[in-house]
Amino acid sequence: ADKKIIVIPRLKKYGEHVNEHQLLMADYIRKNNYGIVLDNIADLEEKLNVITEITFNQFSSNNNNFNHQILNLIKEME
């Protein structure tokens, strides 16, 4: 939707989640420059003040291709 994102992963160690899968997604976002990842909520105000000045890479979803491949596999099994 061409929106800039700030990601704050929930963590197992704080009882916020059952595992650390959100850290994996956050790391992917950070490495590919798709948005801002906060490791500390205290940094939120600072990042909100500068997010308009930051240029991020455009994320391109592969969902349509993935869904098409799954549907083809199901049809082959029939």
PDB file of N, CA and C in Angstrom:
ATOM      1  N   ALA A   1       0.828  -1.197   0.000  1.00  0.00           N
ATOM      2  CA  ALA A   1       0.000   0.000   0.000  1.00  0.00           C
ATOM      3  C   ALA A   1       0.870   1.257   0.000  1.00  0.00           C
ATOM      4  N   ASP A   2       2.160   1.080  -0.230  1.00  0.00           N
ATOM      5  CA  ASP A   2       3.094   2.203  -0.310  1.00  0.00           C
ATOM      6  C   ASP A   2       3.119   3.028   0.974  1.00  0.00           C
ATOM      7  N   LYS A   3       3.091   2.343   2.109  1.00  0.00           N
ATOM      8  CA  LYS A   3       3.154   2.985   3.420  1.00  0.00           C
ATOM      9  C   LYS A   3       4.488   2.665   4.069  1.00  0.00           C
ATOM     10  N   LYS A   4       4.999   3.595   4.844  1.00  0.00           N
ATOM     11  CA  LYS A   4       6.227   3.359   5.603  1.00  0.00           C
ATOM     12  C   LYS A   4       5.853   2.672   6.904  1.00  0.00           C
ATOM     13  N   ILE A   5       6.683   1.694   7.308  1.00  0.00           N
ATOM     14  CA  ILE A   5       6.342   0.921   8.494  1.00  0.00           C
ATOM     15  C   ILE A   5       7.423   1.023   9.569  1.00  0.00           C
ATOM     16  N   ILE A   6       6.954   0.913  10.801  1.00  0.00           N
ATOM     17  CA  ILE A   6       7.821   0.776  11.956  1.00  0.00           C
ATOM     18  C   ILE A   6       7.419  -0.528  12.632  1.00  0.00           C
ATOM     19  N   VAL A   7       8.382  -1.421  12.800  1.00  0.00           N
ATOM     20  CA  VAL A   7       8.128  -2.750  13.356  1.00  0.00           C
ATOM     21  C   VAL A   7       8.706  -2.825  14.765  1.00  0.00           C
ATOM     22  N   ILE A   8       7.896  -3.309  15.691  1.00  0.00           N
ATOM     23  CA  ILE A   8       8.344  -3.548  17.060  1.00  0.00           C
ATOM     24  C   ILE A   8       7.963  -4.997  17.386  1.00  0.00           C
ATOM     25  N   PRO A   9       8.905  -5.919  17.209  1.00  0.00           N
ATOM     26  CA  PRO A   9       8.561  -7.333  17.415  1.00  0.00           C
ATOM     27  C   PRO A   9       8.221  -7.636  18.874  1.00  0.00           C
ATOM     28  N   ARG A  10       7.191  -8.464  19.046  1.00  0.00           N
ATOM     29  CA  ARG A  10       6.851  -8.962  20.382  1.00  0.00           C
ATOM     30  C   ARG A  10       7.786 -10.121  20.697  1.00  0.00           C
ATOM     31  N   LEU A  11       8.148 -10.255  21.961  1.00  0.00           N
ATOM     32  CA  LEU A  11       9.177 -11.216  22.341  1.00  0.00           C
ATOM     33  C   LEU A  11       8.676 -12.258  23.335  1.00  0.00           C
ATOM     34  N   LYS A  12       9.171 -13.472  23.154  1.00  0.00           N
ATOM     35  CA  LYS A  12       8.837 -14.567  24.053  1.00  0.00           C
ATOM     36  C   LYS A  12       9.310 -14.295  25.481  1.00  0.00           C
ATOM     37  N   LYS A  13      10.501 -13.711  25.629  1.00  0.00           N
ATOM     38  CA  LYS A  13      11.071 -13.515  26.958  1.00  0.00           C
ATOM     39  C   LYS A  13      10.213 -12.598  27.834  1.00  0.00           C
ATOM     40  N   TYR A  14       9.356 -11.805  27.233  1.00  0.00           N
ATOM     41  CA  TYR A  14       8.454 -10.941  27.992  1.00  0.00           C
ATOM     42  C   TYR A  14       7.041 -11.516  28.073  1.00  0.00           C
ATOM     43  N   GLY A  15       6.875 -12.753  27.597  1.00  0.00           N
ATOM     44  CA  GLY A  15       5.559 -13.387  27.610  1.00  0.00           C
ATOM     45  C   GLY A  15       4.604 -12.803  26.584  1.00  0.00           C
ATOM     46  N   GLU A  16       5.142 -12.124  25.586  1.00  0.00           N
ATOM     47  CA  GLU A  16       4.314 -11.491  24.560  1.00  0.00           C
ATOM     48  C   GLU A  16       3.969 -12.442  23.425  1.00  0.00           C
ATOM     49  N   HIS A  17       4.755 -13.496  23.293  1.00  0.00           N
ATOM     50  CA  HIS A  17       4.551 -14.439  22.202  1.00  0.00           C
ATOM     51  C   HIS A  17       5.083 -15.796  22.602  1.00  0.00           C
ATOM     52  N   VAL A  18       4.747 -16.829  21.829  1.00  0.00           N
ATOM     53  CA  VAL A  18       5.161 -18.192  22.180  1.00  0.00           C
ATOM     54  C   VAL A  18       6.527 -18.569  21.631  1.00  0.00           C
ATOM     55  N   ASN A  19       7.011 -17.813  20.641  1.00  0.00           N
ATOM     56  CA  ASN A  19       8.356 -18.046  20.102  1.00  0.00           C
ATOM     57  C   ASN A  19       8.894 -16.732  19.540  1.00  0.00           C
ATOM     58  N   GLU A  20      10.026 -16.799  18.894  1.00  0.00           N
ATOM     59  CA  GLU A  20      10.677 -15.571  18.420  1.00  0.00           C
ATOM     60  C   GLU A  20      10.547 -15.359  16.915  1.00  0.00           C
ATOM     61  N   HIS A  21       9.470 -15.870  16.304  1.00  0.00           N
ATOM     62  CA  HIS A  21       9.331 -15.733  14.849  1.00  0.00           C
ATOM     63  C   HIS A  21       9.237 -14.268  14.411  1.00  0.00           C
ATOM     64  N   GLN A  22       8.751 -13.396  15.267  1.00  0.00           N
ATOM     65  CA  GLN A  22       8.667 -11.993  14.871  1.00  0.00           C
ATOM     66  C   GLN A  22      10.056 -11.357  14.737  1.00  0.00           C
ATOM     67  N   LEU A  23      11.030 -11.877  15.473  1.00  0.00           N
ATOM     68  CA  LEU A  23      12.401 -11.390  15.317  1.00  0.00           C
ATOM     69  C   LEU A  23      12.947 -11.740  13.936  1.00  0.00           C
ATOM     70  N   LEU A  24      12.578 -12.904  13.428  1.00  0.00           N
ATOM     71  CA  LEU A  24      13.019 -13.304  12.085  1.00  0.00           C
ATOM     72  C   LEU A  24      12.454 -12.356  11.030  1.00  0.00           C
ATOM     73  N   MET A  25      11.177 -12.032  11.158  1.00  0.00           N
ATOM     74  CA  MET A  25      10.553 -11.110  10.207  1.00  0.00           C
ATOM     75  C   MET A  25      11.150  -9.713  10.341  1.00  0.00           C
ATOM     76  N   ALA A  26      11.378  -9.273  11.563  1.00  0.00           N
ATOM     77  CA  ALA A  26      11.975  -7.957  11.792  1.00  0.00           C
ATOM     78  C   ALA A  26      13.371  -7.883  11.183  1.00  0.00           C
ATOM     79  N   ASP A  27      14.133  -8.943  11.342  1.00  0.00           N
ATOM     80  CA  ASP A  27      15.483  -8.987  10.770  1.00  0.00           C
ATOM     81  C   ASP A  27      15.423  -8.908   9.241  1.00  0.00           C
ATOM     82  N   TYR A  28      14.466  -9.598   8.640  1.00  0.00           N
ATOM     83  CA  TYR A  28      14.277  -9.554   7.193  1.00  0.00           C
ATOM     84  C   TYR A  28      13.947  -8.128   6.732  1.00  0.00           C
ATOM     85  N   ILE A  29      13.063  -7.460   7.462  1.00  0.00           N
ATOM     86  CA  ILE A  29      12.679  -6.084   7.137  1.00  0.00           C
ATOM     87  C   ILE A  29      13.881  -5.156   7.256  1.00  0.00           C
ATOM     88  N   ARG A  30      14.645  -5.316   8.312  1.00  0.00           N
ATOM     89  CA  ARG A  30      15.828  -4.460   8.541  1.00  0.00           C
ATOM     90  C   ARG A  30      16.876  -4.684   7.446  1.00  0.00           C
ATOM     91  N   LYS A  31      17.213  -5.948   7.161  1.00  0.00           N
ATOM     92  CA  LYS A  31      18.257  -6.260   6.184  1.00  0.00           C
ATOM     93  C   LYS A  31      17.907  -5.801   4.771  1.00  0.00           C
ATOM     94  N   ASN A  32      16.622  -5.798   4.452  1.00  0.00           N
ATOM     95  CA  ASN A  32      16.187  -5.429   3.104  1.00  0.00           C
ATOM     96  C   ASN A  32      15.708  -3.981   3.000  1.00  0.00           C
ATOM     97  N   ASN A  33      15.867  -3.237   4.092  1.00  0.00           N
ATOM     98  CA  ASN A  33      15.485  -1.828   4.126  1.00  0.00           C
ATOM     99  C   ASN A  33      14.033  -1.614   3.697  1.00  0.00           C
ATOM    100  N   TYR A  34      13.122  -2.419   4.279  1.00  0.00           N
ATOM    101  CA  TYR A  34      11.693  -2.263   3.994  1.00  0.00           C
ATOM    102  C   TYR A  34      10.996  -1.379   5.022  1.00  0.00           C
ATOM    103  N   GLY A  35      11.657  -1.081   6.128  1.00  0.00           N
ATOM    104  CA  GLY A  35      11.049  -0.258   7.168  1.00  0.00           C
ATOM    105  C   GLY A  35      12.008  -0.114   8.332  1.00  0.00           C
ATOM    106  N   ILE A  36      11.517   0.532   9.382  1.00  0.00           N
ATOM    107  CA  ILE A  36      12.290   0.718  10.600  1.00  0.00           C
ATOM    108  C   ILE A  36      11.936  -0.394  11.582  1.00  0.00           C
ATOM    109  N   VAL A  37      12.936  -0.976  12.186  1.00  0.00           N
ATOM    110  CA  VAL A  37      12.722  -1.982  13.233  1.00  0.00           C
ATOM    111  C   VAL A  37      13.239  -1.397  14.539  1.00  0.00           C
ATOM    112  N   LEU A  38      12.378  -1.377  15.538  1.00  0.00           N
ATOM    113  CA  LEU A  38      12.770  -0.875  16.849  1.00  0.00           C
ATOM    114  C   LEU A  38      13.094  -2.034  17.782  1.00  0.00           C
ATOM    115  N   ASP A  39      14.236  -1.930  18.427  1.00  0.00           N
ATOM    116  CA  ASP A  39      14.605  -2.884  19.455  1.00  0.00           C
ATOM    117  C   ASP A  39      14.184  -2.380  20.829  1.00  0.00           C
ATOM    118  N   ASN A  40      13.825  -1.091  20.884  1.00  0.00           N
ATOM    119  CA  ASN A  40      13.441  -0.479  22.142  1.00  0.00           C
ATOM    120  C   ASN A  40      12.305   0.506  21.875  1.00  0.00           C
ATOM    121  N   ILE A  41      11.178   0.315  22.535  1.00  0.00           N
ATOM    122  CA  ILE A  41      10.013   1.181  22.331  1.00  0.00           C
ATOM    123  C   ILE A  41      10.322   2.638  22.660  1.00  0.00           C
ATOM    124  N   ALA A  42      11.331   2.871  23.487  1.00  0.00           N
ATOM    125  CA  ALA A  42      11.711   4.238  23.851  1.00  0.00           C
ATOM    126  C   ALA A  42      12.197   5.039  22.642  1.00  0.00           C
ATOM    127  N   ASP A  43      12.565   4.356  21.555  1.00  0.00           N
ATOM    128  CA  ASP A  43      13.051   5.024  20.340  1.00  0.00           C
ATOM    129  C   ASP A  43      11.927   5.425  19.395  1.00  0.00           C
ATOM    130  N   LEU A  44      10.687   5.102  19.736  1.00  0.00           N
ATOM    131  CA  LEU A  44       9.571   5.329  18.816  1.00  0.00           C
ATOM    132  C   LEU A  44       9.401   6.799  18.448  1.00  0.00           C
ATOM    133  N   GLU A  45       9.391   7.683  19.414  1.00  0.00           N
ATOM    134  CA  GLU A  45       9.184   9.100  19.108  1.00  0.00           C
ATOM    135  C   GLU A  45      10.256   9.640  18.164  1.00  0.00           C
ATOM    136  N   GLU A  46      11.497   9.270  18.425  1.00  0.00           N
ATOM    137  CA  GLU A  46      12.602   9.713  17.558  1.00  0.00           C
ATOM    138  C   GLU A  46      12.389   9.238  16.120  1.00  0.00           C
ATOM    139  N   LYS A  47      12.015   7.979  15.951  1.00  0.00           N
ATOM    140  CA  LYS A  47      11.833   7.427  14.605  1.00  0.00           C
ATOM    141  C   LYS A  47      10.617   8.038  13.908  1.00  0.00           C
ATOM    142  N   LEU A  48       9.563   8.322  14.668  1.00  0.00           N
ATOM    143  CA  LEU A  48       8.396   8.980  14.072  1.00  0.00           C
ATOM    144  C   LEU A  48       8.764  10.358  13.529  1.00  0.00           C
ATOM    145  N   ASN A  49       9.703  11.012  14.171  1.00  0.00           N
ATOM    146  CA  ASN A  49      10.117  12.347  13.739  1.00  0.00           C
ATOM    147  C   ASN A  49      10.974  12.345  12.480  1.00  0.00           C
ATOM    148  N   VAL A  50      11.597  11.214  12.151  1.00  0.00           N
ATOM    149  CA  VAL A  50      12.485  11.171  10.982  1.00  0.00           C
ATOM    150  C   VAL A  50      12.000  10.258   9.863  1.00  0.00           C
ATOM    151  N   ILE A  51      10.918   9.526  10.075  1.00  0.00           N
ATOM    152  CA  ILE A  51      10.508   8.517   9.081  1.00  0.00           C
ATOM    153  C   ILE A  51      10.175   9.138   7.723  1.00  0.00           C
ATOM    154  N   THR A  52       9.691  10.366   7.701  1.00  0.00           N
ATOM    155  CA  THR A  52       9.366  10.986   6.405  1.00  0.00           C
ATOM    156  C   THR A  52      10.615  11.285   5.590  1.00  0.00           C
ATOM    157  N   GLU A  53      11.765  11.346   6.235  1.00  0.00           N
ATOM    158  CA  GLU A  53      13.023  11.658   5.549  1.00  0.00           C
ATOM    159  C   GLU A  53      13.746  10.414   5.038  1.00  0.00           C
ATOM    160  N   ILE A  54      13.246   9.246   5.389  1.00  0.00           N
ATOM    161  CA  ILE A  54      13.923   7.992   5.053  1.00  0.00           C
ATOM    162  C   ILE A  54      13.279   7.380   3.813  1.00  0.00           C
ATOM    163  N   THR A  55      14.111   6.868   2.927  1.00  0.00           N
ATOM    164  CA  THR A  55      13.628   6.153   1.749  1.00  0.00           C
ATOM    165  C   THR A  55      13.855   4.662   1.961  1.00  0.00           C
ATOM    166  N   PHE A  56      12.809   3.892   1.784  1.00  0.00           N
ATOM    167  CA  PHE A  56      12.881   2.447   1.948  1.00  0.00           C
ATOM    168  C   PHE A  56      12.777   1.749   0.598  1.00  0.00           C
ATOM    169  N   ASN A  57      13.245   0.521   0.547  1.00  0.00           N
ATOM    170  CA  ASN A  57      13.070  -0.304  -0.643  1.00  0.00           C
ATOM    171  C   ASN A  57      11.602  -0.715  -0.744  1.00  0.00           C
ATOM    172  N   GLN A  58      11.134  -0.875  -1.959  1.00  0.00           N
ATOM    173  CA  GLN A  58       9.756  -1.296  -2.199  1.00  0.00           C
ATOM    174  C   GLN A  58       9.652  -2.812  -2.062  1.00  0.00           C
ATOM    175  N   PHE A  59       8.737  -3.277  -1.223  1.00  0.00           N
ATOM    176  CA  PHE A  59       8.511  -4.708  -1.059  1.00  0.00           C
ATOM    177  C   PHE A  59       7.621  -5.194  -2.187  1.00  0.00           C
ATOM    178  N   SER A  60       7.984  -6.324  -2.766  1.00  0.00           N
ATOM    179  CA  SER A  60       7.181  -6.923  -3.825  1.00  0.00           C
ATOM    180  C   SER A  60       6.706  -8.300  -3.369  1.00  0.00           C
ATOM    181  N   SER A  61       5.420  -8.430  -3.191  1.00  0.00           N
ATOM    182  CA  SER A  61       4.838  -9.680  -2.698  1.00  0.00           C
ATOM    183  C   SER A  61       4.899 -10.767  -3.764  1.00  0.00           C
ATOM    184  N   ASN A  62       5.100 -11.986  -3.297  1.00  0.00           N
ATOM    185  CA  ASN A  62       5.112 -13.150  -4.170  1.00  0.00           C
ATOM    186  C   ASN A  62       3.860 -14.007  -3.943  1.00  0.00           C
ATOM    187  N   ASN A  63       2.859 -13.465  -3.257  1.00  0.00           N
ATOM    188  CA  ASN A  63       1.675 -14.245  -2.894  1.00  0.00           C
ATOM    189  C   ASN A  63       0.930 -14.813  -4.093  1.00  0.00           C
ATOM    190  N   ASN A  64       0.752 -14.021  -5.140  1.00  0.00           N
ATOM    191  CA  ASN A  64      -0.001 -14.518  -6.296  1.00  0.00           C
ATOM    192  C   ASN A  64       0.690 -15.718  -6.931  1.00  0.00           C
ATOM    193  N   ASN A  65       1.995 -15.650  -7.095  1.00  0.00           N
ATOM    194  CA  ASN A  65       2.748 -16.759  -7.672  1.00  0.00           C
ATOM    195  C   ASN A  65       2.683 -17.985  -6.755  1.00  0.00           C
ATOM    196  N   PHE A  66       2.869 -17.764  -5.461  1.00  0.00           N
ATOM    197  CA  PHE A  66       2.814 -18.860  -4.493  1.00  0.00           C
ATOM    198  C   PHE A  66       1.437 -19.543  -4.519  1.00  0.00           C
ATOM    199  N   ASN A  67       0.380 -18.744  -4.485  1.00  0.00           N
ATOM    200  CA  ASN A  67      -0.971 -19.303  -4.509  1.00  0.00           C
ATOM    201  C   ASN A  67      -1.226 -20.096  -5.787  1.00  0.00           C
ATOM    202  N   HIS A  68      -0.740 -19.596  -6.898  1.00  0.00           N
ATOM    203  CA  HIS A  68      -0.911 -20.287  -8.181  1.00  0.00           C
ATOM    204  C   HIS A  68      -0.197 -21.646  -8.150  1.00  0.00           C
ATOM    205  N   GLN A  69       1.008 -21.690  -7.608  1.00  0.00           N
ATOM    206  CA  GLN A  69       1.751 -22.948  -7.517  1.00  0.00           C
ATOM    207  C   GLN A  69       1.038 -23.958  -6.614  1.00  0.00           C
ATOM    208  N   ILE A  70       0.497 -23.497  -5.507  1.00  0.00           N
ATOM    209  CA  ILE A  70      -0.238 -24.390  -4.600  1.00  0.00           C
ATOM    210  C   ILE A  70      -1.476 -24.946  -5.288  1.00  0.00           C
ATOM    211  N   LEU A  71      -2.213 -24.100  -5.971  1.00  0.00           N
ATOM    212  CA  LEU A  71      -3.403 -24.562  -6.688  1.00  0.00           C
ATOM    213  C   LEU A  71      -3.036 -25.600  -7.754  1.00  0.00           C
ATOM    214  N   ASN A  72      -1.953 -25.392  -8.464  1.00  0.00           N
ATOM    215  CA  ASN A  72      -1.511 -26.352  -9.470  1.00  0.00           C
ATOM    216  C   ASN A  72      -1.140 -27.692  -8.819  1.00  0.00           C
ATOM    217  N   LEU A  73      -0.467 -27.661  -7.675  1.00  0.00           N
ATOM    218  CA  LEU A  73      -0.137 -28.905  -6.970  1.00  0.00           C
ATOM    219  C   LEU A  73      -1.394 -29.649  -6.546  1.00  0.00           C
ATOM    220  N   ILE A  74      -2.374 -28.929  -6.073  1.00  0.00           N
ATOM    221  CA  ILE A  74      -3.637 -29.570  -5.656  1.00  0.00           C
ATOM    222  C   ILE A  74      -4.335 -30.199  -6.848  1.00  0.00           C
ATOM    223  N   LYS A  75      -4.363 -29.500  -7.965  1.00  0.00           N
ATOM    224  CA  LYS A  75      -4.999 -30.036  -9.178  1.00  0.00           C
ATOM    225  C   LYS A  75      -4.289 -31.300  -9.660  1.00  0.00           C
ATOM    226  N   GLU A  76      -2.957 -31.324  -9.537  1.00  0.00           N
ATOM    227  CA  GLU A  76      -2.193 -32.510  -9.950  1.00  0.00           C
ATOM    228  C   GLU A  76      -2.502 -33.700  -9.069  1.00  0.00           C
ATOM    229  N   MET A  77      -2.890 -33.480  -7.847  1.00  0.00           N
ATOM    230  CA  MET A  77      -3.170 -34.559  -6.904  1.00  0.00           C
ATOM    231  C   MET A  77      -4.569 -35.149  -7.106  1.00  0.00           C
ATOM    232  N   GLU A  78      -5.429 -34.452  -7.805  1.00  0.00           N
ATOM    233  CA  GLU A  78      -6.808 -34.914  -8.002  1.00  0.00           C
ATOM    234  C   GLU A  78      -6.872 -36.041  -8.988  1.00  0.00           C
TER     235      GLU A  78
END
